N, C-alpha and C. Protein backbone atom coordinates (compact mmCIF):
# COMPACT_ATOMS: atom_id res chain seq x y z
N MET A 1 -11.06 0.75 -23.77
CA MET A 1 -11.93 -0.15 -22.90
C MET A 1 -13.42 0.20 -23.52
N THR A 2 -14.14 -0.79 -23.61
CA THR A 2 -15.58 -0.45 -24.11
C THR A 2 -16.41 -0.02 -22.91
N ALA A 3 -17.66 0.57 -23.13
CA ALA A 3 -18.46 1.01 -21.98
C ALA A 3 -18.73 -0.12 -21.06
N LEU A 4 -19.04 -1.25 -21.53
CA LEU A 4 -19.34 -2.40 -20.74
C LEU A 4 -18.11 -2.86 -19.90
N GLU A 5 -16.94 -2.74 -20.41
CA GLU A 5 -15.63 -3.03 -19.77
C GLU A 5 -15.52 -2.13 -18.66
N THR A 6 -15.70 -0.82 -18.82
CA THR A 6 -15.45 0.32 -17.84
C THR A 6 -16.47 0.21 -16.75
N ARG A 7 -17.80 -0.21 -17.06
CA ARG A 7 -18.74 -0.39 -16.14
C ARG A 7 -18.21 -1.57 -15.14
N LEU A 8 -17.89 -2.59 -15.81
CA LEU A 8 -17.54 -3.85 -14.94
C LEU A 8 -16.23 -3.54 -14.07
N ALA A 9 -15.36 -2.74 -14.49
CA ALA A 9 -14.25 -2.45 -13.85
C ALA A 9 -14.54 -1.59 -12.65
N ILE A 10 -15.50 -0.67 -12.86
CA ILE A 10 -15.90 0.23 -11.78
C ILE A 10 -16.65 -0.63 -10.60
N GLN A 11 -17.46 -1.47 -11.14
CA GLN A 11 -18.35 -2.37 -10.07
C GLN A 11 -17.27 -3.21 -9.49
N ASP A 12 -16.23 -3.71 -9.99
CA ASP A 12 -15.18 -4.77 -9.43
C ASP A 12 -14.59 -3.89 -8.24
N VAL A 13 -14.38 -2.62 -8.34
CA VAL A 13 -13.87 -1.99 -7.11
C VAL A 13 -14.46 -2.17 -6.00
N MET A 14 -15.99 -1.90 -6.01
CA MET A 14 -16.70 -2.08 -4.85
C MET A 14 -16.75 -3.56 -4.50
N THR A 15 -16.71 -4.53 -5.31
CA THR A 15 -16.73 -5.95 -4.95
C THR A 15 -15.42 -6.08 -4.32
N ARG A 16 -14.17 -5.75 -4.59
CA ARG A 16 -12.89 -5.81 -4.01
C ARG A 16 -12.90 -5.16 -2.58
N TYR A 17 -13.63 -3.96 -2.41
CA TYR A 17 -13.83 -3.27 -1.42
C TYR A 17 -14.30 -4.15 -0.26
N ALA A 18 -15.57 -4.65 -0.56
CA ALA A 18 -16.33 -5.60 0.38
C ALA A 18 -15.57 -6.98 0.59
N ALA A 19 -14.90 -7.50 -0.18
CA ALA A 19 -14.26 -8.66 -0.14
C ALA A 19 -12.89 -8.47 0.80
N GLY A 20 -12.28 -7.26 0.66
CA GLY A 20 -11.16 -6.83 1.42
C GLY A 20 -11.28 -6.74 2.84
N VAL A 21 -12.52 -6.06 3.14
CA VAL A 21 -12.92 -5.80 4.36
C VAL A 21 -13.24 -7.35 5.19
N ASP A 22 -14.10 -8.09 4.37
CA ASP A 22 -14.47 -9.34 5.16
C ASP A 22 -13.39 -10.37 5.19
N ASP A 23 -12.37 -10.30 4.34
CA ASP A 23 -11.22 -11.24 4.39
C ASP A 23 -10.21 -10.52 5.15
N ARG A 24 -10.45 -9.41 5.60
CA ARG A 24 -9.19 -8.61 6.26
C ARG A 24 -8.02 -8.54 5.47
N ASN A 25 -8.12 -8.30 4.24
CA ASN A 25 -7.09 -8.16 3.38
C ASN A 25 -6.97 -6.64 3.11
N MET A 26 -6.33 -6.12 4.09
CA MET A 26 -6.21 -4.58 3.97
C MET A 26 -5.30 -4.07 2.86
N GLU A 27 -4.59 -4.81 2.26
CA GLU A 27 -3.82 -4.43 0.96
C GLU A 27 -4.84 -4.31 -0.23
N GLN A 28 -5.66 -5.30 -0.25
CA GLN A 28 -6.54 -5.30 -1.23
C GLN A 28 -7.63 -4.07 -1.07
N TYR A 29 -8.06 -3.97 0.22
CA TYR A 29 -8.97 -2.91 0.43
C TYR A 29 -8.42 -1.55 0.15
N ARG A 30 -7.02 -1.34 0.61
CA ARG A 30 -6.43 0.05 0.41
C ARG A 30 -6.24 0.25 -1.15
N SER A 31 -6.20 -0.73 -1.91
CA SER A 31 -5.94 -0.54 -3.46
C SER A 31 -7.19 0.04 -4.10
N CYS A 32 -8.31 -0.02 -3.40
CA CYS A 32 -9.62 0.66 -3.96
C CYS A 32 -9.67 2.13 -3.81
N PHE A 33 -8.60 2.65 -3.14
CA PHE A 33 -8.94 4.22 -2.94
C PHE A 33 -7.68 4.89 -3.67
N ALA A 34 -8.09 6.11 -3.97
CA ALA A 34 -7.18 7.17 -4.31
C ALA A 34 -6.45 7.68 -3.03
N ASP A 35 -5.37 8.03 -3.14
CA ASP A 35 -4.50 8.53 -1.87
C ASP A 35 -5.39 9.63 -1.18
N ASP A 36 -6.06 10.49 -2.03
CA ASP A 36 -6.67 11.76 -1.43
C ASP A 36 -8.20 11.48 -1.11
N VAL A 37 -8.61 10.13 -0.94
CA VAL A 37 -10.07 9.90 -0.86
C VAL A 37 -10.69 10.71 0.26
N GLU A 38 -11.89 10.98 0.38
CA GLU A 38 -12.71 11.73 1.20
C GLU A 38 -13.75 10.65 1.58
N ILE A 39 -13.91 10.31 3.01
CA ILE A 39 -14.75 9.42 3.52
C ILE A 39 -15.88 10.12 4.22
N VAL A 40 -17.14 10.11 4.10
CA VAL A 40 -18.21 10.70 4.63
C VAL A 40 -19.27 9.79 5.17
N GLY A 41 -19.70 9.99 6.47
CA GLY A 41 -20.94 9.31 7.09
C GLY A 41 -20.48 8.04 7.82
N PHE A 42 -19.23 7.70 7.86
CA PHE A 42 -18.89 6.51 8.74
C PHE A 42 -18.59 6.87 10.24
N GLY A 43 -18.62 8.13 10.47
CA GLY A 43 -18.39 8.64 11.74
C GLY A 43 -18.84 10.19 11.76
N PRO A 44 -18.62 10.62 12.99
CA PRO A 44 -19.04 12.10 13.11
C PRO A 44 -18.42 13.07 12.15
N GLU A 45 -17.13 12.78 11.75
CA GLU A 45 -16.49 13.74 10.96
C GLU A 45 -15.84 13.12 9.51
N THR A 46 -15.85 13.91 8.67
CA THR A 46 -15.29 13.49 7.26
C THR A 46 -13.71 13.24 7.57
N LEU A 47 -13.46 12.08 6.93
CA LEU A 47 -11.99 11.62 7.08
C LEU A 47 -11.22 11.83 5.69
N ALA A 48 -10.06 12.18 5.72
CA ALA A 48 -9.29 12.42 4.52
C ALA A 48 -8.10 11.48 4.40
N GLY A 49 -7.92 10.88 3.22
CA GLY A 49 -6.69 10.14 3.01
C GLY A 49 -6.84 8.77 3.18
N ALA A 50 -6.31 7.95 1.99
CA ALA A 50 -6.74 6.50 2.12
C ALA A 50 -5.97 5.97 3.41
N ASP A 51 -4.81 6.30 3.55
CA ASP A 51 -4.08 5.53 4.68
C ASP A 51 -4.87 5.73 5.92
N ASN A 52 -5.33 6.94 6.12
CA ASN A 52 -6.06 7.32 7.54
C ASN A 52 -7.21 6.60 7.45
N TRP A 53 -7.91 6.40 6.38
CA TRP A 53 -9.16 5.65 6.42
C TRP A 53 -8.95 4.16 6.66
N VAL A 54 -7.92 3.58 6.01
CA VAL A 54 -7.70 2.03 6.30
C VAL A 54 -7.35 1.92 7.63
N GLU A 55 -6.62 2.60 8.18
CA GLU A 55 -6.10 2.56 9.65
C GLU A 55 -7.43 2.71 10.74
N ASP A 56 -8.27 3.55 10.11
CA ASP A 56 -9.57 3.67 10.87
C ASP A 56 -10.42 2.41 10.86
N VAL A 57 -10.48 1.92 9.76
CA VAL A 57 -11.31 0.73 9.59
C VAL A 57 -10.59 -0.35 10.26
N LYS A 58 -9.30 -0.62 10.31
CA LYS A 58 -8.70 -1.67 11.07
C LYS A 58 -9.01 -1.45 12.57
N ASN A 59 -8.78 -0.41 13.08
CA ASN A 59 -9.23 -0.22 14.48
C ASN A 59 -10.57 -0.42 14.72
N LYS A 60 -11.67 -0.07 13.75
CA LYS A 60 -13.19 -0.41 14.11
C LYS A 60 -13.22 -1.86 14.08
N LEU A 61 -12.63 -2.65 13.11
CA LEU A 61 -12.73 -4.19 12.91
C LEU A 61 -12.40 -4.90 14.28
N GLU A 62 -11.53 -4.23 15.03
CA GLU A 62 -11.12 -5.05 16.19
C GLU A 62 -12.18 -5.41 17.17
N ALA A 63 -13.25 -4.70 17.06
CA ALA A 63 -14.45 -5.19 17.99
C ALA A 63 -15.26 -6.33 17.31
N PHE A 64 -14.94 -6.70 16.15
CA PHE A 64 -15.69 -7.66 15.47
C PHE A 64 -14.96 -8.87 15.08
N GLY A 65 -15.73 -10.07 15.05
CA GLY A 65 -15.10 -11.25 14.58
C GLY A 65 -15.43 -11.30 13.07
N GLU A 66 -16.19 -12.00 12.57
CA GLU A 66 -16.58 -12.23 11.17
C GLU A 66 -17.53 -11.02 10.73
N THR A 67 -17.25 -10.66 9.64
CA THR A 67 -18.23 -9.61 8.97
C THR A 67 -18.65 -10.16 7.54
N GLN A 68 -19.69 -9.62 7.01
CA GLN A 68 -20.20 -9.92 5.73
C GLN A 68 -20.90 -8.80 5.02
N HIS A 69 -20.30 -8.37 3.95
CA HIS A 69 -20.88 -7.10 3.37
C HIS A 69 -21.60 -7.48 2.10
N MET A 70 -22.75 -7.59 2.08
CA MET A 70 -23.63 -8.05 0.93
C MET A 70 -24.09 -6.80 0.04
N LEU A 71 -23.60 -6.59 -1.15
CA LEU A 71 -23.92 -5.59 -2.00
C LEU A 71 -25.10 -5.91 -2.92
N GLY A 72 -26.01 -4.75 -3.02
CA GLY A 72 -26.95 -5.05 -4.07
C GLY A 72 -26.53 -4.52 -5.47
N PRO A 73 -27.34 -4.59 -6.43
CA PRO A 73 -26.97 -4.02 -7.75
C PRO A 73 -26.40 -2.54 -7.67
N GLN A 74 -25.68 -2.43 -8.52
CA GLN A 74 -24.87 -1.07 -8.60
C GLN A 74 -25.61 -0.30 -9.77
N LEU A 75 -25.90 0.90 -9.59
CA LEU A 75 -26.22 1.89 -10.35
C LEU A 75 -24.90 2.72 -10.64
N VAL A 76 -24.56 2.70 -12.07
CA VAL A 76 -23.32 3.29 -12.39
C VAL A 76 -23.59 4.38 -13.43
N ASP A 77 -22.81 5.57 -13.14
CA ASP A 77 -22.90 6.73 -14.12
C ASP A 77 -21.43 7.03 -14.45
N ILE A 78 -21.07 7.00 -15.74
CA ILE A 78 -19.70 7.33 -16.17
C ILE A 78 -19.83 8.50 -16.95
N ASP A 79 -18.74 9.38 -16.73
CA ASP A 79 -18.60 10.59 -17.39
C ASP A 79 -16.94 10.81 -17.68
N GLY A 80 -16.47 10.08 -18.74
CA GLY A 80 -15.07 10.16 -19.15
C GLY A 80 -14.17 9.47 -18.04
N ASP A 81 -13.21 10.09 -17.29
CA ASP A 81 -12.44 9.44 -16.47
C ASP A 81 -13.04 9.64 -15.04
N ASN A 82 -14.34 9.86 -14.80
CA ASN A 82 -14.97 10.21 -13.58
C ASN A 82 -16.24 9.22 -13.64
N ALA A 83 -16.67 8.70 -12.43
CA ALA A 83 -17.84 7.82 -12.46
C ALA A 83 -18.34 8.02 -11.03
N SER A 84 -19.64 7.55 -10.91
CA SER A 84 -20.26 7.40 -9.45
C SER A 84 -21.14 6.26 -9.61
N THR A 85 -21.30 5.70 -8.28
CA THR A 85 -22.22 4.50 -8.10
C THR A 85 -23.13 4.73 -6.88
N ARG A 86 -24.40 4.09 -6.93
CA ARG A 86 -25.13 4.16 -5.75
C ARG A 86 -25.39 2.59 -5.65
N VAL A 87 -24.98 2.06 -4.52
CA VAL A 87 -25.11 0.61 -4.10
C VAL A 87 -25.77 0.55 -2.72
N ASP A 88 -26.68 -0.48 -2.60
CA ASP A 88 -27.31 -0.74 -1.15
C ASP A 88 -26.37 -1.80 -0.59
N VAL A 89 -26.31 -1.86 0.64
CA VAL A 89 -25.40 -2.80 1.30
C VAL A 89 -26.20 -3.27 2.62
N GLN A 90 -25.96 -4.46 2.88
CA GLN A 90 -26.42 -5.05 4.12
C GLN A 90 -25.16 -5.62 4.66
N ALA A 91 -24.77 -5.17 5.83
CA ALA A 91 -23.37 -5.64 6.53
C ALA A 91 -23.64 -6.29 7.79
N MET A 92 -23.43 -7.52 7.89
CA MET A 92 -23.40 -8.17 9.20
C MET A 92 -21.86 -8.11 10.00
N HIS A 93 -22.07 -7.98 11.26
CA HIS A 93 -20.68 -7.88 12.06
C HIS A 93 -21.15 -8.75 13.31
N TYR A 94 -20.17 -9.79 13.56
CA TYR A 94 -20.31 -10.61 14.79
C TYR A 94 -19.43 -9.77 15.87
N LEU A 95 -20.03 -9.73 16.93
CA LEU A 95 -19.25 -9.00 17.89
C LEU A 95 -18.32 -9.98 18.66
N LYS A 96 -16.97 -9.69 19.03
CA LYS A 96 -15.98 -10.51 19.65
C LYS A 96 -16.46 -10.82 20.98
N THR A 97 -16.87 -9.74 21.73
CA THR A 97 -17.18 -9.98 23.06
C THR A 97 -18.41 -10.82 23.16
N LYS A 98 -19.45 -10.96 22.35
CA LYS A 98 -20.60 -11.68 22.41
C LYS A 98 -20.72 -12.43 21.13
N PRO A 99 -20.07 -13.62 20.70
CA PRO A 99 -20.06 -14.16 19.62
C PRO A 99 -21.47 -14.50 18.98
N ASP A 100 -22.49 -14.67 19.88
CA ASP A 100 -23.82 -15.00 19.56
C ASP A 100 -24.62 -13.67 19.04
N SER A 101 -24.08 -12.53 19.24
CA SER A 101 -24.57 -11.19 18.98
C SER A 101 -24.06 -10.81 17.58
N GLN A 102 -25.06 -10.17 16.75
CA GLN A 102 -24.76 -9.66 15.60
C GLN A 102 -25.33 -8.22 15.34
N LEU A 103 -24.37 -7.47 14.84
CA LEU A 103 -24.86 -6.12 14.44
C LEU A 103 -25.15 -6.03 13.01
N THR A 104 -26.33 -5.77 12.43
CA THR A 104 -26.60 -5.72 11.08
C THR A 104 -26.90 -4.25 10.71
N LEU A 105 -26.25 -3.81 9.58
CA LEU A 105 -26.39 -2.34 9.20
C LEU A 105 -26.97 -2.44 7.71
N TRP A 106 -27.91 -1.64 7.61
CA TRP A 106 -28.57 -1.38 6.21
C TRP A 106 -28.13 -0.03 5.77
N ALA A 107 -27.56 0.07 4.59
CA ALA A 107 -27.13 1.47 4.28
C ALA A 107 -26.99 1.59 2.64
N THR A 108 -26.68 2.83 2.19
CA THR A 108 -26.49 2.92 0.85
C THR A 108 -24.97 3.49 0.65
N TYR A 109 -24.33 3.08 -0.23
CA TYR A 109 -22.80 3.63 -0.48
C TYR A 109 -23.26 4.58 -1.75
N LEU A 110 -22.76 5.76 -1.61
CA LEU A 110 -22.84 6.68 -2.68
C LEU A 110 -21.19 6.96 -2.93
N THR A 111 -20.82 6.59 -4.06
CA THR A 111 -19.40 6.51 -4.28
C THR A 111 -18.88 7.13 -5.46
N ASP A 112 -17.82 7.95 -5.59
CA ASP A 112 -17.43 8.65 -6.74
C ASP A 112 -15.98 7.96 -6.96
N TYR A 113 -15.63 7.96 -8.34
CA TYR A 113 -14.46 7.40 -8.65
C TYR A 113 -13.76 8.07 -9.74
N ARG A 114 -12.54 7.93 -9.94
CA ARG A 114 -11.71 8.64 -11.10
C ARG A 114 -10.77 7.41 -11.62
N CYS A 115 -10.55 7.60 -12.70
CA CYS A 115 -9.57 6.46 -13.50
C CYS A 115 -8.15 7.30 -13.22
N ILE A 116 -7.25 6.56 -12.55
CA ILE A 116 -5.97 7.11 -12.34
C ILE A 116 -5.01 6.12 -12.74
N ASP A 117 -4.03 6.61 -13.70
CA ASP A 117 -3.12 5.70 -14.32
C ASP A 117 -3.74 4.33 -14.87
N GLY A 118 -5.04 4.53 -15.33
CA GLY A 118 -5.59 3.22 -15.97
C GLY A 118 -6.44 2.25 -14.95
N ALA A 119 -6.42 2.77 -13.76
CA ALA A 119 -7.15 2.14 -12.74
C ALA A 119 -8.31 2.90 -12.03
N TRP A 120 -9.37 2.31 -11.90
CA TRP A 120 -10.52 3.24 -11.23
C TRP A 120 -10.24 3.08 -9.66
N LYS A 121 -10.23 4.26 -9.16
CA LYS A 121 -10.22 4.24 -7.77
C LYS A 121 -11.23 5.29 -7.03
N ILE A 122 -11.58 4.99 -5.86
CA ILE A 122 -12.58 5.60 -5.07
C ILE A 122 -11.93 6.93 -4.73
N VAL A 123 -12.70 8.04 -5.00
CA VAL A 123 -12.08 9.34 -4.56
C VAL A 123 -13.10 10.04 -3.54
N ARG A 124 -14.20 9.64 -3.46
CA ARG A 124 -15.18 10.00 -2.34
C ARG A 124 -16.28 8.80 -2.01
N HIS A 125 -16.37 8.53 -0.79
CA HIS A 125 -17.22 7.27 -0.43
C HIS A 125 -18.07 7.85 0.75
N GLU A 126 -19.39 7.74 0.58
CA GLU A 126 -20.28 8.16 1.56
C GLU A 126 -21.26 7.03 1.99
N LEU A 127 -21.49 6.79 3.32
CA LEU A 127 -22.34 5.92 3.86
C LEU A 127 -23.52 6.54 4.26
N VAL A 128 -24.77 6.15 3.65
CA VAL A 128 -25.92 6.83 4.10
C VAL A 128 -26.74 5.60 4.94
N ARG A 129 -26.92 5.82 6.27
CA ARG A 129 -27.43 4.76 6.97
C ARG A 129 -28.90 4.64 6.86
N ARG A 130 -29.41 3.46 6.59
CA ARG A 130 -30.92 3.17 6.68
C ARG A 130 -31.36 2.76 7.90
N GLY A 131 -30.61 1.88 8.66
CA GLY A 131 -30.98 1.35 9.91
C GLY A 131 -29.98 0.36 10.44
N THR A 132 -30.09 -0.05 11.70
CA THR A 132 -29.40 -0.94 12.33
C THR A 132 -30.04 -1.91 13.16
N HIS A 133 -29.51 -3.08 13.60
CA HIS A 133 -30.28 -3.88 14.48
C HIS A 133 -29.34 -4.86 15.04
N ILE A 134 -29.31 -5.00 16.55
CA ILE A 134 -28.37 -5.93 17.17
C ILE A 134 -29.29 -7.02 17.67
N THR A 135 -28.83 -8.27 17.35
CA THR A 135 -29.52 -9.51 17.81
C THR A 135 -28.88 -9.96 19.09
N ASN A 136 -29.51 -10.47 20.08
CA ASN A 136 -28.83 -11.01 21.29
C ASN A 136 -28.04 -10.01 21.91
N PRO A 137 -28.51 -8.76 22.17
CA PRO A 137 -27.46 -7.71 22.72
C PRO A 137 -27.07 -7.86 24.20
């Protein structure tokens, strides 16, 4: 795989991540993670394990109707079979209980990857919150 192909494959992981959440395709979403992934900053405690994380996300999504995760350009650093990215995200969440209300999150994802059996997987994923806003609370 060329350096460009590697970079695109890593960026595709985060694109599948966002699309998987927004489309509620949890199989696609789960495929982005290594089994032993570490999740930081999405709640008060660090969460370990892809299956635990996907279940947590499914539970959190129950409060929302439609969502849209818009990703900014990704800074990618590749070191052999390891890589990291920094990507800004704006995530809009429509509340089920108040369909005219919207929660918007501005954040940065700091994500580490490892090439496992020829596929890039997220091994550590951190959310750095920049701000939130609720319209029509």
